[in-house]
Amino acid sequence: MKEALSENRELSTQEGRRAYWREHIEKWQQSGQSKRAYCREHSLRTANLYRWCAKLPKGEQRRPQFIPVRLPTLPANRYALELMLVNGRVLRIGAEADPKWVSQLVQELERAC
């Protein structure tokens, strides 16, 4: 009963209603259920969920979640460029190669093909 009372107070302001529906939309998206099934389970009107999904900007519907990412360090002998030649041979060019030289090499190879 107390929960219903606080929910009613929360829904009395526009921001409270936005927060309430933003939370339901997020829970529905995470549930994997259809809108109808989610609404039935949570005693919500399906039309309201549809309306709030359309009303809230996409950025408000789902809060971003940041996942830490660690990029591996590459060994010094890794190549910046690898070209597969017509004859099946592979040409590997290191990261320290001069870009002008690489450009000239590619032009020469294109002329030869």
N, C-alpha and C. Protein backbone atom coordinates (compact mmCIF):
# COMPACT_ATOMS: atom_id res chain seq x y z
N MET A 1 0.82 -1.19 0.00
CA MET A 1 0.00 0.00 0.00
C MET A 1 0.86 1.25 0.00
N LYS A 2 1.91 1.28 0.85
CA LYS A 2 2.81 2.44 0.89
C LYS A 2 3.48 2.65 -0.46
N GLU A 3 3.84 1.54 -1.11
CA GLU A 3 4.49 1.62 -2.41
C GLU A 3 3.57 2.28 -3.43
N ALA A 4 2.28 1.93 -3.42
CA ALA A 4 1.31 2.51 -4.34
C ALA A 4 1.15 4.00 -4.07
N LEU A 5 1.15 4.40 -2.77
CA LEU A 5 1.01 5.82 -2.44
C LEU A 5 2.20 6.62 -2.94
N SER A 6 3.41 6.12 -2.73
CA SER A 6 4.59 6.86 -3.20
C SER A 6 4.62 6.89 -4.72
N GLU A 7 4.13 5.82 -5.35
CA GLU A 7 4.07 5.79 -6.81
C GLU A 7 3.10 6.85 -7.31
N ASN A 8 1.98 7.01 -6.64
CA ASN A 8 1.00 8.03 -7.03
C ASN A 8 1.58 9.43 -6.90
N ARG A 9 2.31 9.68 -5.81
CA ARG A 9 2.94 10.99 -5.64
C ARG A 9 3.98 11.21 -6.72
N GLU A 10 4.72 10.17 -7.03
CA GLU A 10 5.76 10.25 -8.05
C GLU A 10 5.14 10.58 -9.42
N LEU A 11 3.96 10.05 -9.69
CA LEU A 11 3.31 10.25 -10.98
C LEU A 11 2.56 11.58 -11.05
N SER A 12 2.58 12.36 -9.97
CA SER A 12 1.83 13.62 -9.98
C SER A 12 2.56 14.73 -10.73
N THR A 13 3.86 14.58 -10.98
CA THR A 13 4.61 15.59 -11.73
C THR A 13 5.02 15.02 -13.08
N GLN A 14 5.23 15.90 -14.05
CA GLN A 14 5.65 15.46 -15.38
C GLN A 14 6.98 14.72 -15.31
N GLU A 15 7.92 15.25 -14.52
CA GLU A 15 9.23 14.59 -14.41
C GLU A 15 9.09 13.24 -13.73
N GLY A 16 8.18 13.15 -12.75
CA GLY A 16 7.94 11.88 -12.08
C GLY A 16 7.38 10.84 -13.05
N ARG A 17 6.44 11.27 -13.90
CA ARG A 17 5.88 10.35 -14.90
C ARG A 17 6.94 9.93 -15.91
N ARG A 18 7.78 10.88 -16.33
CA ARG A 18 8.86 10.56 -17.27
C ARG A 18 9.80 9.51 -16.67
N ALA A 19 10.17 9.72 -15.42
CA ALA A 19 11.09 8.79 -14.76
C ALA A 19 10.45 7.41 -14.61
N TYR A 20 9.17 7.39 -14.24
CA TYR A 20 8.43 6.14 -14.08
C TYR A 20 8.41 5.35 -15.38
N TRP A 21 8.05 6.01 -16.49
CA TRP A 21 7.96 5.32 -17.77
C TRP A 21 9.33 5.01 -18.35
N ARG A 22 10.31 5.88 -18.10
CA ARG A 22 11.68 5.61 -18.55
C ARG A 22 12.16 4.30 -17.92
N GLU A 23 11.86 4.14 -16.63
CA GLU A 23 12.28 2.92 -15.93
C GLU A 23 11.55 1.69 -16.49
N HIS A 24 10.25 1.82 -16.74
CA HIS A 24 9.51 0.68 -17.30
C HIS A 24 10.00 0.33 -18.71
N ILE A 25 10.29 1.35 -19.49
CA ILE A 25 10.78 1.08 -20.85
C ILE A 25 12.11 0.35 -20.81
N GLU A 26 12.97 0.79 -19.90
CA GLU A 26 14.28 0.13 -19.76
C GLU A 26 14.10 -1.33 -19.31
N LYS A 27 13.22 -1.55 -18.34
CA LYS A 27 12.98 -2.91 -17.86
C LYS A 27 12.35 -3.77 -18.96
N TRP A 28 11.42 -3.19 -19.73
CA TRP A 28 10.81 -3.94 -20.83
C TRP A 28 11.87 -4.33 -21.86
N GLN A 29 12.78 -3.38 -22.22
CA GLN A 29 13.82 -3.67 -23.21
C GLN A 29 14.73 -4.78 -22.73
N GLN A 30 15.03 -4.79 -21.45
CA GLN A 30 15.92 -5.82 -20.90
C GLN A 30 15.21 -7.16 -20.74
N SER A 31 13.88 -7.14 -20.66
CA SER A 31 13.14 -8.37 -20.41
C SER A 31 13.09 -9.31 -21.60
N GLY A 32 13.18 -8.76 -22.82
CA GLY A 32 13.06 -9.58 -24.01
C GLY A 32 11.61 -9.97 -24.33
N GLN A 33 10.68 -9.44 -23.56
CA GLN A 33 9.27 -9.74 -23.77
C GLN A 33 8.67 -8.79 -24.80
N SER A 34 7.51 -9.17 -25.30
CA SER A 34 6.77 -8.23 -26.13
C SER A 34 6.21 -7.15 -25.20
N LYS A 35 5.81 -6.02 -25.78
CA LYS A 35 5.24 -4.95 -24.95
C LYS A 35 3.98 -5.45 -24.25
N ARG A 36 3.16 -6.18 -24.99
CA ARG A 36 1.90 -6.68 -24.43
C ARG A 36 2.16 -7.60 -23.24
N ALA A 37 3.10 -8.54 -23.38
CA ALA A 37 3.40 -9.48 -22.29
C ALA A 37 3.96 -8.75 -21.07
N TYR A 38 4.86 -7.79 -21.32
CA TYR A 38 5.43 -7.03 -20.21
C TYR A 38 4.33 -6.28 -19.47
N CYS A 39 3.45 -5.62 -20.22
CA CYS A 39 2.38 -4.84 -19.60
C CYS A 39 1.43 -5.73 -18.80
N ARG A 40 1.12 -6.90 -19.34
CA ARG A 40 0.24 -7.82 -18.63
C ARG A 40 0.88 -8.23 -17.30
N GLU A 41 2.18 -8.53 -17.35
CA GLU A 41 2.89 -8.97 -16.14
C GLU A 41 2.97 -7.87 -15.09
N HIS A 42 3.04 -6.60 -15.53
CA HIS A 42 3.22 -5.48 -14.60
C HIS A 42 1.95 -4.65 -14.42
N SER A 43 0.83 -5.16 -14.90
CA SER A 43 -0.47 -4.49 -14.77
C SER A 43 -0.44 -3.06 -15.33
N LEU A 44 0.14 -2.93 -16.52
CA LEU A 44 0.20 -1.63 -17.20
C LEU A 44 -0.70 -1.67 -18.43
N ARG A 45 -1.17 -0.52 -18.85
CA ARG A 45 -1.93 -0.45 -20.09
C ARG A 45 -0.93 -0.44 -21.25
N THR A 46 -1.09 -1.33 -22.18
CA THR A 46 -0.19 -1.46 -23.32
C THR A 46 -0.13 -0.16 -24.11
N ALA A 47 -1.27 0.51 -24.27
CA ALA A 47 -1.31 1.78 -25.02
C ALA A 47 -0.41 2.82 -24.37
N ASN A 48 -0.35 2.83 -23.04
CA ASN A 48 0.52 3.79 -22.35
C ASN A 48 2.00 3.51 -22.63
N LEU A 49 2.37 2.24 -22.63
CA LEU A 49 3.76 1.90 -22.92
C LEU A 49 4.13 2.31 -24.34
N TYR A 50 3.26 2.03 -25.29
CA TYR A 50 3.50 2.46 -26.67
C TYR A 50 3.63 3.98 -26.75
N ARG A 51 2.74 4.68 -26.07
CA ARG A 51 2.75 6.14 -26.12
C ARG A 51 4.05 6.70 -25.54
N TRP A 52 4.48 6.17 -24.40
CA TRP A 52 5.71 6.68 -23.79
C TRP A 52 6.95 6.28 -24.57
N CYS A 53 6.92 5.13 -25.22
CA CYS A 53 8.06 4.76 -26.08
C CYS A 53 8.20 5.77 -27.22
N ALA A 54 7.07 6.22 -27.74
CA ALA A 54 7.11 7.21 -28.82
C ALA A 54 7.42 8.61 -28.29
N LYS A 55 6.98 8.89 -27.07
CA LYS A 55 7.11 10.24 -26.51
C LYS A 55 8.53 10.54 -26.03
N LEU A 56 9.14 9.58 -25.38
CA LEU A 56 10.49 9.82 -24.84
C LEU A 56 11.51 9.74 -25.96
N PRO A 57 12.40 10.72 -26.04
CA PRO A 57 13.48 10.62 -27.03
C PRO A 57 14.29 9.36 -26.76
N LYS A 58 14.85 8.80 -27.82
CA LYS A 58 15.59 7.54 -27.70
C LYS A 58 16.68 7.63 -26.64
N GLY A 59 17.33 8.78 -26.52
CA GLY A 59 18.39 8.94 -25.53
C GLY A 59 17.90 8.83 -24.11
N GLU A 60 16.61 9.14 -23.89
CA GLU A 60 16.05 9.06 -22.54
C GLU A 60 15.56 7.66 -22.23
N GLN A 61 15.35 6.85 -23.23
CA GLN A 61 14.80 5.52 -23.01
C GLN A 61 15.83 4.56 -22.46
N ARG A 62 17.06 4.73 -22.85
CA ARG A 62 18.08 3.79 -22.41
C ARG A 62 19.29 4.59 -21.93
N ARG A 63 19.64 4.39 -20.69
CA ARG A 63 20.82 5.07 -20.16
C ARG A 63 22.06 4.37 -20.69
N PRO A 64 23.09 5.14 -21.04
CA PRO A 64 24.29 4.49 -21.57
C PRO A 64 24.99 3.67 -20.49
N GLN A 65 25.50 2.56 -20.89
CA GLN A 65 26.28 1.73 -19.98
C GLN A 65 27.70 1.67 -20.53
N PHE A 66 28.65 2.01 -19.70
CA PHE A 66 30.04 2.01 -20.13
C PHE A 66 30.70 0.72 -19.70
N ILE A 67 31.38 0.13 -20.64
CA ILE A 67 32.09 -1.12 -20.39
C ILE A 67 33.58 -0.84 -20.57
N PRO A 68 34.38 -1.13 -19.56
CA PRO A 68 35.81 -0.88 -19.70
C PRO A 68 36.41 -1.79 -20.77
N VAL A 69 37.26 -1.23 -21.58
CA VAL A 69 37.89 -1.98 -22.66
C VAL A 69 39.40 -1.82 -22.53
N ARG A 70 40.11 -2.93 -22.63
CA ARG A 70 41.58 -2.88 -22.64
C ARG A 70 42.05 -3.35 -24.00
N LEU A 71 42.81 -2.52 -24.66
CA LEU A 71 43.35 -2.88 -25.96
C LEU A 71 44.70 -3.55 -25.76
N PRO A 72 44.93 -4.63 -26.46
CA PRO A 72 46.22 -5.31 -26.29
C PRO A 72 47.32 -4.48 -26.93
N THR A 73 48.49 -4.55 -26.34
CA THR A 73 49.64 -3.89 -26.95
C THR A 73 50.21 -4.86 -27.98
N LEU A 74 50.49 -4.34 -29.14
CA LEU A 74 51.00 -5.18 -30.22
C LEU A 74 52.50 -5.32 -30.11
N PRO A 75 53.03 -6.48 -30.42
CA PRO A 75 54.48 -6.64 -30.43
C PRO A 75 55.11 -5.74 -31.49
N ALA A 76 56.35 -5.41 -31.31
CA ALA A 76 57.04 -4.49 -32.21
C ALA A 76 57.14 -5.03 -33.64
N ASN A 77 57.06 -6.34 -33.82
CA ASN A 77 57.22 -6.90 -35.16
C ASN A 77 55.90 -6.98 -35.94
N ARG A 78 54.83 -6.34 -35.47
CA ARG A 78 53.56 -6.35 -36.19
C ARG A 78 53.68 -5.45 -37.42
N TYR A 79 52.90 -5.79 -38.43
CA TYR A 79 52.96 -5.04 -39.67
C TYR A 79 51.79 -4.06 -39.75
N ALA A 80 52.06 -2.89 -40.34
CA ALA A 80 51.02 -1.89 -40.51
C ALA A 80 50.17 -2.19 -41.73
N LEU A 81 50.76 -2.88 -42.70
CA LEU A 81 50.07 -3.13 -43.96
C LEU A 81 50.47 -4.49 -44.49
N GLU A 82 49.49 -5.22 -45.00
CA GLU A 82 49.76 -6.52 -45.59
C GLU A 82 49.01 -6.57 -46.92
N LEU A 83 49.74 -6.78 -48.01
CA LEU A 83 49.15 -6.82 -49.35
C LEU A 83 49.25 -8.23 -49.91
N MET A 84 48.13 -8.75 -50.41
CA MET A 84 48.12 -10.04 -51.06
C MET A 84 48.28 -9.77 -52.55
N LEU A 85 49.36 -10.24 -53.14
CA LEU A 85 49.64 -10.01 -54.54
C LEU A 85 48.92 -11.04 -55.41
N VAL A 86 48.77 -10.72 -56.68
CA VAL A 86 48.05 -11.58 -57.62
C VAL A 86 48.63 -12.99 -57.65
N ASN A 87 49.94 -13.11 -57.56
CA ASN A 87 50.58 -14.42 -57.64
C ASN A 87 50.48 -15.21 -56.33
N GLY A 88 49.77 -14.66 -55.33
CA GLY A 88 49.59 -15.35 -54.06
C GLY A 88 50.61 -14.99 -53.00
N ARG A 89 51.63 -14.29 -53.39
CA ARG A 89 52.63 -13.87 -52.41
C ARG A 89 52.06 -12.74 -51.54
N VAL A 90 52.64 -12.59 -50.36
CA VAL A 90 52.18 -11.58 -49.42
C VAL A 90 53.31 -10.59 -49.19
N LEU A 91 52.99 -9.32 -49.29
CA LEU A 91 53.95 -8.25 -49.03
C LEU A 91 53.55 -7.60 -47.72
N ARG A 92 54.45 -7.65 -46.73
CA ARG A 92 54.17 -7.07 -45.41
C ARG A 92 55.06 -5.85 -45.22
N ILE A 93 54.43 -4.75 -44.82
CA ILE A 93 55.15 -3.49 -44.65
C ILE A 93 55.00 -3.06 -43.19
N GLY A 94 56.13 -2.80 -42.57
CA GLY A 94 56.15 -2.42 -41.16
C GLY A 94 55.59 -1.03 -40.90
N ALA A 95 55.21 -0.78 -39.67
CA ALA A 95 54.62 0.49 -39.27
C ALA A 95 55.59 1.66 -39.43
N GLU A 96 56.89 1.38 -39.42
CA GLU A 96 57.87 2.45 -39.52
C GLU A 96 58.15 2.89 -40.96
N ALA A 97 57.53 2.25 -41.94
CA ALA A 97 57.77 2.57 -43.36
C ALA A 97 57.29 4.00 -43.67
N ASP A 98 58.03 4.67 -44.54
CA ASP A 98 57.70 6.03 -44.96
C ASP A 98 56.41 6.01 -45.79
N PRO A 99 55.39 6.78 -45.44
CA PRO A 99 54.14 6.78 -46.17
C PRO A 99 54.30 7.12 -47.66
N LYS A 100 55.24 8.01 -47.98
CA LYS A 100 55.46 8.35 -49.39
C LYS A 100 55.98 7.13 -50.16
N TRP A 101 56.88 6.41 -49.55
CA TRP A 101 57.42 5.21 -50.19
C TRP A 101 56.32 4.18 -50.40
N VAL A 102 55.44 4.00 -49.40
CA VAL A 102 54.33 3.05 -49.52
C VAL A 102 53.41 3.48 -50.65
N SER A 103 53.14 4.77 -50.76
CA SER A 103 52.29 5.29 -51.83
C SER A 103 52.90 4.99 -53.20
N GLN A 104 54.20 5.24 -53.34
CA GLN A 104 54.88 4.96 -54.60
C GLN A 104 54.86 3.47 -54.93
N LEU A 105 55.06 2.65 -53.94
CA LEU A 105 55.04 1.21 -54.11
C LEU A 105 53.66 0.74 -54.61
N VAL A 106 52.61 1.25 -54.01
CA VAL A 106 51.25 0.87 -54.41
C VAL A 106 50.98 1.30 -55.83
N GLN A 107 51.44 2.51 -56.21
CA GLN A 107 51.24 2.99 -57.58
C GLN A 107 51.96 2.08 -58.57
N GLU A 108 53.18 1.69 -58.25
CA GLU A 108 53.94 0.80 -59.12
C GLU A 108 53.26 -0.56 -59.26
N LEU A 109 52.77 -1.08 -58.15
CA LEU A 109 52.09 -2.37 -58.20
C LEU A 109 50.81 -2.29 -59.03
N GLU A 110 50.08 -1.17 -58.92
CA GLU A 110 48.86 -0.99 -59.72
C GLU A 110 49.19 -0.93 -61.21
N ARG A 111 50.29 -0.27 -61.56
CA ARG A 111 50.69 -0.20 -62.96
C ARG A 111 51.05 -1.58 -63.50
N ALA A 112 51.65 -2.39 -62.67
CA ALA A 112 52.10 -3.71 -63.11
C ALA A 112 50.91 -4.67 -63.31
N CYS A 113 49.80 -4.40 -62.67
CA CYS A 113 48.64 -5.33 -62.79
C CYS A 113 47.83 -5.09 -64.02
